[in-house]
Each structure stands twice: as structure tokens, then as C-alpha cells.
Amino acid sequence: MLFNFDPAATEDEIRAAALQYVRKISGFAKPSAANQEAFDRAVDDVAQASASLINSLVTSAPSRNRETELAKAPERALRRFGEA
């Protein structure tokens, strides 16, 4: 989740999320040379659409704190996946 954080999501964070998405839907962790251009273009397009979405959203909820959310992550993972 990248929306409603203080400080706001950076371009690098949005791009990293776009890369993760394109990897997931394409099935490529690293595309072949033949697919590299299409892959990179898709990452750029998804990053641009994501930034546009994030910048367009509004909320009356208070901004979330990154450190607080990171501290909650292990508990959420335990609830979701159980003990390892």
C-alpha cells in the first residue's frame, strides 16, 4: 500500500511496486532481450498510472506512519500465514 503515508510515497517506491506488478503478471523476474523493451515500457506505464491514481485519491483519514506500519507487519504475517 502506498497511499496516505507521511511522507508520501516516492517515485522509487511507486516504480518498485510497478516492477513487482509487471513481474507478477508477465511471469518474468528478468525478461529476455527480446522482451526487455516491452517489459520496461509496461513498468513505465504502470508506474505512471499508479502515481496518477495516488495523486488523485483523497481521504479524511489521518496519514499513516511508515515506522508504525512496519512494526505491525510481523503480527499481520503471523495472522495471515500462521507460525513457520
C-alpha atoms as a PDB file:
ATOM      1  CA  MET A   1       0.000   0.000   0.000  1.00  0.00           C
ATOM      2  CA  LEU A   2       1.440   3.372  -0.998  1.00  0.00           C
ATOM      3  CA  PHE A   3      -1.446   5.758  -0.397  1.00  0.00           C
ATOM      4  CA  ASN A   4      -1.910   8.040   2.623  1.00  0.00           C
ATOM      5  CA  PHE A   5       1.563   7.913   4.150  1.00  0.00           C
ATOM      6  CA  ASP A   6       3.536  10.770   5.609  1.00  0.00           C
ATOM      7  CA  PRO A   7       5.914  11.309   3.949  1.00  0.00           C
ATOM      8  CA  ALA A   8       4.221  10.427   0.665  1.00  0.00           C
ATOM      9  CA  ALA A   9       5.390   7.542  -1.491  1.00  0.00           C
ATOM     10  CA  THR A  10       8.459   8.356  -3.554  1.00  0.00           C
ATOM     11  CA  GLU A  11       8.864   7.821  -7.290  1.00  0.00           C
ATOM     12  CA  ASP A  12      11.256   4.967  -6.474  1.00  0.00           C
ATOM     13  CA  GLU A  13       8.654   3.251  -4.272  1.00  0.00           C
ATOM     14  CA  ILE A  14       5.985   3.610  -6.945  1.00  0.00           C
ATOM     15  CA  ARG A  15       8.356   2.272  -9.607  1.00  0.00           C
ATOM     16  CA  ALA A  16       9.333  -0.676  -7.395  1.00  0.00           C
ATOM     17  CA  ALA A  17       5.655  -1.536  -6.956  1.00  0.00           C
ATOM     18  CA  ALA A  18       5.116  -1.252 -10.721  1.00  0.00           C
ATOM     19  CA  LEU A  19       8.088  -3.549 -11.358  1.00  0.00           C
ATOM     20  CA  GLN A  20       6.696  -6.088  -8.885  1.00  0.00           C
ATOM     21  CA  TYR A  21       3.306  -5.969 -10.602  1.00  0.00           C
ATOM     22  CA  VAL A  22       4.737  -6.392 -14.108  1.00  0.00           C
ATOM     23  CA  ARG A  23       6.933  -9.273 -12.941  1.00  0.00           C
ATOM     24  CA  LYS A  24       3.894 -10.944 -11.396  1.00  0.00           C
ATOM     25  CA  ILE A  25       1.618 -10.680 -14.415  1.00  0.00           C
ATOM     26  CA  SER A  26       4.320 -11.439 -17.002  1.00  0.00           C
ATOM     27  CA  GLY A  27       5.886 -14.331 -15.120  1.00  0.00           C
ATOM     28  CA  PHE A  28       9.350 -12.860 -15.796  1.00  0.00           C
ATOM     29  CA  ALA A  29      11.712 -11.925 -12.977  1.00  0.00           C
ATOM     30  CA  LYS A  30      14.103 -10.807 -15.699  1.00  0.00           C
ATOM     31  CA  PRO A  31      12.788 -10.711 -19.261  1.00  0.00           C
ATOM     32  CA  SER A  32      14.755 -11.925 -22.252  1.00  0.00           C
ATOM     33  CA  ALA A  33      16.441  -9.391 -24.503  1.00  0.00           C
ATOM     34  CA  ALA A  34      13.583  -9.862 -26.980  1.00  0.00           C
ATOM     35  CA  ASN A  35      11.041  -8.841 -24.324  1.00  0.00           C
ATOM     36  CA  GLN A  36      13.050  -6.204 -22.436  1.00  0.00           C
ATOM     37  CA  GLU A  37      11.637  -3.184 -24.270  1.00  0.00           C
ATOM     38  CA  ALA A  38       8.020  -4.271 -23.802  1.00  0.00           C
ATOM     39  CA  PHE A  39       8.708  -5.123 -20.161  1.00  0.00           C
ATOM     40  CA  ASP A  40      10.326  -1.733 -19.450  1.00  0.00           C
ATOM     41  CA  ARG A  41       7.509   0.095 -21.240  1.00  0.00           C
ATOM     42  CA  ALA A  42       4.951  -1.770 -19.131  1.00  0.00           C
ATOM     43  CA  VAL A  43       6.788  -0.837 -15.922  1.00  0.00           C
ATOM     44  CA  ASP A  44       6.842   2.821 -17.016  1.00  0.00           C
ATOM     45  CA  ASP A  45       3.123   2.750 -17.896  1.00  0.00           C
ATOM     46  CA  VAL A  46       2.104   1.087 -14.637  1.00  0.00           C
ATOM     47  CA  ALA A  47       4.267   3.466 -12.603  1.00  0.00           C
ATOM     48  CA  GLN A  48       2.728   6.468 -14.345  1.00  0.00           C
ATOM     49  CA  ALA A  49      -0.829   5.175 -13.844  1.00  0.00           C
ATOM     50  CA  SER A  50      -0.082   4.362 -10.208  1.00  0.00           C
ATOM     51  CA  ALA A  51       1.345   7.817  -9.497  1.00  0.00           C
ATOM     52  CA  SER A  52      -1.676   9.404 -11.159  1.00  0.00           C
ATOM     53  CA  LEU A  53      -4.017   7.297  -9.040  1.00  0.00           C
ATOM     54  CA  ILE A  54      -2.188   8.030  -5.778  1.00  0.00           C
ATOM     55  CA  ASN A  55      -2.123  11.749  -6.537  1.00  0.00           C
ATOM     56  CA  SER A  56      -5.849  11.763  -7.323  1.00  0.00           C
ATOM     57  CA  LEU A  57      -7.083   9.932  -4.230  1.00  0.00           C
ATOM     58  CA  VAL A  58      -8.487  11.840  -1.261  1.00  0.00           C
ATOM     59  CA  THR A  59      -9.200  10.773   2.297  1.00  0.00           C
ATOM     60  CA  SER A  60     -10.233  12.265   5.584  1.00  0.00           C
ATOM     61  CA  ALA A  61      -8.259   9.617   7.497  1.00  0.00           C
ATOM     62  CA  PRO A  62      -5.035  10.694   9.147  1.00  0.00           C
ATOM     63  CA  SER A  63      -1.819   9.808   7.319  1.00  0.00           C
ATOM     64  CA  ARG A  64      -0.174   6.549   8.325  1.00  0.00           C
ATOM     65  CA  ASN A  65       3.309   6.460   9.777  1.00  0.00           C
ATOM     66  CA  ARG A  66       5.764   4.190   7.943  1.00  0.00           C
ATOM     67  CA  GLU A  67       7.576   3.014  11.074  1.00  0.00           C
ATOM     68  CA  THR A  68       4.335   2.123  12.833  1.00  0.00           C
ATOM     69  CA  GLU A  69       3.108   0.161   9.824  1.00  0.00           C
ATOM     70  CA  LEU A  70       6.433  -1.679   9.536  1.00  0.00           C
ATOM     71  CA  ALA A  71       6.229  -2.642  13.206  1.00  0.00           C
ATOM     72  CA  LYS A  72       2.756  -4.131  12.621  1.00  0.00           C
ATOM     73  CA  ALA A  73       3.914  -6.266   9.665  1.00  0.00           C
ATOM     74  CA  PRO A  74       5.153  -9.310  11.639  1.00  0.00           C
ATOM     75  CA  GLU A  75       1.849  -9.564  13.518  1.00  0.00           C
ATOM     76  CA  ARG A  76      -0.146  -9.330  10.269  1.00  0.00           C
ATOM     77  CA  ALA A  77       2.036 -12.003   8.677  1.00  0.00           C
ATOM     78  CA  LEU A  78       1.560 -14.289  11.674  1.00  0.00           C
ATOM     79  CA  ARG A  79      -2.227 -13.868  11.494  1.00  0.00           C
ATOM     80  CA  ARG A  80      -2.204 -14.443   7.742  1.00  0.00           C
ATOM     81  CA  PHE A  81       0.264 -17.302   7.434  1.00  0.00           C
ATOM     82  CA  GLY A  82       0.493 -18.775  10.944  1.00  0.00           C
ATOM     83  CA  GLU A  83       3.723 -19.847  12.543  1.00  0.00           C
ATOM     84  CA  ALA A  84       6.551 -21.044  10.356  1.00  0.00           C
END
